[in-house]
Amino acid sequence: MDDQARAVLEQAAAFEALLVALTSASNEERGGAESCFERCKASPEALVGALVRSLRTSGAQETRELAAVLLRKVRARGKC
């Protein structure tokens, strides 16, 4: 996992911004976020922790919903 992905997983605000970017209408922004999310999968325990944190603490319902969907997908694929 690279330094950018590690920083995103460790900082709640940065991870929430990543989740928001995953739903962006801009192909460039969304593509960058998808690439970062894929790199975050290299540390599945940290990724699950960040998703649970966002699910519990995000003020935006859309972000909590996306965190729940991604958490289910990560767990279902046996990444953790």
C-alpha atoms as a PDB file:
ATOM      1  CA  MET A   1       0.000   0.000   0.000  1.00  0.00           C
ATOM      2  CA  ASP A   2       1.345   3.429  -0.875  1.00  0.00           C
ATOM      3  CA  ASP A   3       1.611   6.472   1.392  1.00  0.00           C
ATOM      4  CA  GLN A   4      -1.462   8.179  -0.084  1.00  0.00           C
ATOM      5  CA  ALA A   5      -3.699   5.175   0.556  1.00  0.00           C
ATOM      6  CA  ARG A   6      -2.295   4.793   4.076  1.00  0.00           C
ATOM      7  CA  ALA A   7      -2.982   8.468   4.843  1.00  0.00           C
ATOM      8  CA  VAL A   8      -6.536   8.188   3.492  1.00  0.00           C
ATOM      9  CA  LEU A   9      -7.263   5.167   5.685  1.00  0.00           C
ATOM     10  CA  GLU A  10      -5.847   6.838   8.802  1.00  0.00           C
ATOM     11  CA  GLN A  11      -7.662  10.173   8.489  1.00  0.00           C
ATOM     12  CA  ALA A  12     -11.443  10.148   8.828  1.00  0.00           C
ATOM     13  CA  ALA A  13     -11.953  13.338   6.810  1.00  0.00           C
ATOM     14  CA  ALA A  14      -9.712  12.112   3.985  1.00  0.00           C
ATOM     15  CA  PHE A  15     -11.513   8.767   3.823  1.00  0.00           C
ATOM     16  CA  GLU A  16     -14.896  10.480   3.756  1.00  0.00           C
ATOM     17  CA  ALA A  17     -13.652  12.702   0.928  1.00  0.00           C
ATOM     18  CA  LEU A  18     -12.603   9.532  -0.917  1.00  0.00           C
ATOM     19  CA  LEU A  19     -16.107   8.097  -0.515  1.00  0.00           C
ATOM     20  CA  VAL A  20     -17.638  11.322  -1.830  1.00  0.00           C
ATOM     21  CA  ALA A  21     -15.230  11.292  -4.785  1.00  0.00           C
ATOM     22  CA  LEU A  22     -16.306   7.724  -5.615  1.00  0.00           C
ATOM     23  CA  THR A  23     -19.744   9.133  -6.460  1.00  0.00           C
ATOM     24  CA  SER A  24     -18.487  12.155  -8.391  1.00  0.00           C
ATOM     25  CA  ALA A  25     -19.964  13.005 -11.776  1.00  0.00           C
ATOM     26  CA  SER A  26     -16.441  13.825 -12.975  1.00  0.00           C
ATOM     27  CA  ASN A  27     -14.849  10.796 -14.617  1.00  0.00           C
ATOM     28  CA  GLU A  28     -11.372  12.038 -13.723  1.00  0.00           C
ATOM     29  CA  GLU A  29     -12.187  12.560 -10.043  1.00  0.00           C
ATOM     30  CA  ARG A  30     -14.064   9.269  -9.766  1.00  0.00           C
ATOM     31  CA  GLY A  31     -11.294   7.401 -11.572  1.00  0.00           C
ATOM     32  CA  GLY A  32      -8.683   8.737  -9.175  1.00  0.00           C
ATOM     33  CA  ALA A  33     -10.842   7.781  -6.212  1.00  0.00           C
ATOM     34  CA  GLU A  34     -11.407   4.278  -7.599  1.00  0.00           C
ATOM     35  CA  SER A  35      -7.664   3.835  -8.047  1.00  0.00           C
ATOM     36  CA  CYS A  36      -7.007   4.965  -4.469  1.00  0.00           C
ATOM     37  CA  PHE A  37      -9.742   2.685  -3.126  1.00  0.00           C
ATOM     38  CA  GLU A  38      -8.192  -0.282  -4.949  1.00  0.00           C
ATOM     39  CA  ARG A  39      -4.835   0.503  -3.326  1.00  0.00           C
ATOM     40  CA  CYS A  40      -6.557   0.705   0.071  1.00  0.00           C
ATOM     41  CA  LYS A  41      -7.640  -2.915  -0.389  1.00  0.00           C
ATOM     42  CA  ALA A  42      -4.003  -3.908   0.171  1.00  0.00           C
ATOM     43  CA  SER A  43      -4.691  -3.379   3.883  1.00  0.00           C
ATOM     44  CA  PRO A  44      -8.092  -5.036   4.378  1.00  0.00           C
ATOM     45  CA  GLU A  45      -8.225  -4.633   8.169  1.00  0.00           C
ATOM     46  CA  ALA A  46      -7.556  -0.897   7.914  1.00  0.00           C
ATOM     47  CA  LEU A  47     -10.072  -0.588   5.073  1.00  0.00           C
ATOM     48  CA  VAL A  48     -12.807  -2.322   7.079  1.00  0.00           C
ATOM     49  CA  GLY A  49     -12.009  -0.084  10.051  1.00  0.00           C
ATOM     50  CA  ALA A  50     -12.246   3.057   7.943  1.00  0.00           C
ATOM     51  CA  LEU A  51     -15.530   1.925   6.379  1.00  0.00           C
ATOM     52  CA  VAL A  52     -17.039   1.146   9.797  1.00  0.00           C
ATOM     53  CA  ARG A  53     -15.823   4.502  11.122  1.00  0.00           C
ATOM     54  CA  SER A  54     -17.492   6.305   8.193  1.00  0.00           C
ATOM     55  CA  LEU A  55     -20.640   4.259   8.621  1.00  0.00           C
ATOM     56  CA  ARG A  56     -20.836   5.284  12.274  1.00  0.00           C
ATOM     57  CA  THR A  57     -19.674   8.896  12.160  1.00  0.00           C
ATOM     58  CA  SER A  58     -20.386  10.457   8.765  1.00  0.00           C
ATOM     59  CA  GLY A  59     -22.885  13.275   8.823  1.00  0.00           C
ATOM     60  CA  ALA A  60     -24.013  12.544   5.279  1.00  0.00           C
ATOM     61  CA  GLN A  61     -26.514   9.743   4.775  1.00  0.00           C
ATOM     62  CA  GLU A  62     -25.262   9.059   1.233  1.00  0.00           C
ATOM     63  CA  THR A  63     -21.739   8.536   2.570  1.00  0.00           C
ATOM     64  CA  ARG A  64     -22.963   6.168   5.277  1.00  0.00           C
ATOM     65  CA  GLU A  65     -24.948   4.207   2.685  1.00  0.00           C
ATOM     66  CA  LEU A  66     -21.937   3.916   0.366  1.00  0.00           C
ATOM     67  CA  ALA A  67     -19.733   2.845   3.292  1.00  0.00           C
ATOM     68  CA  ALA A  68     -22.251   0.111   4.154  1.00  0.00           C
ATOM     69  CA  VAL A  69     -22.367  -1.179   0.573  1.00  0.00           C
ATOM     70  CA  LEU A  70     -18.571  -1.174   0.219  1.00  0.00           C
ATOM     71  CA  LEU A  71     -18.141  -2.832   3.616  1.00  0.00           C
ATOM     72  CA  ARG A  72     -20.482  -5.630   2.558  1.00  0.00           C
ATOM     73  CA  LYS A  73     -18.602  -6.071  -0.730  1.00  0.00           C
ATOM     74  CA  VAL A  74     -15.186  -6.130   0.937  1.00  0.00           C
ATOM     75  CA  ARG A  75     -16.341  -8.658   3.539  1.00  0.00           C
ATOM     76  CA  ALA A  76     -18.175 -10.830   0.988  1.00  0.00           C
ATOM     77  CA  ARG A  77     -15.079 -11.139  -1.167  1.00  0.00           C
ATOM     78  CA  GLY A  78     -13.122 -12.488   1.781  1.00  0.00           C
ATOM     79  CA  LYS A  79     -10.648  -9.628   1.858  1.00  0.00           C
ATOM     80  CA  CYS A  80     -10.704  -9.714   5.665  1.00  0.00           C
END
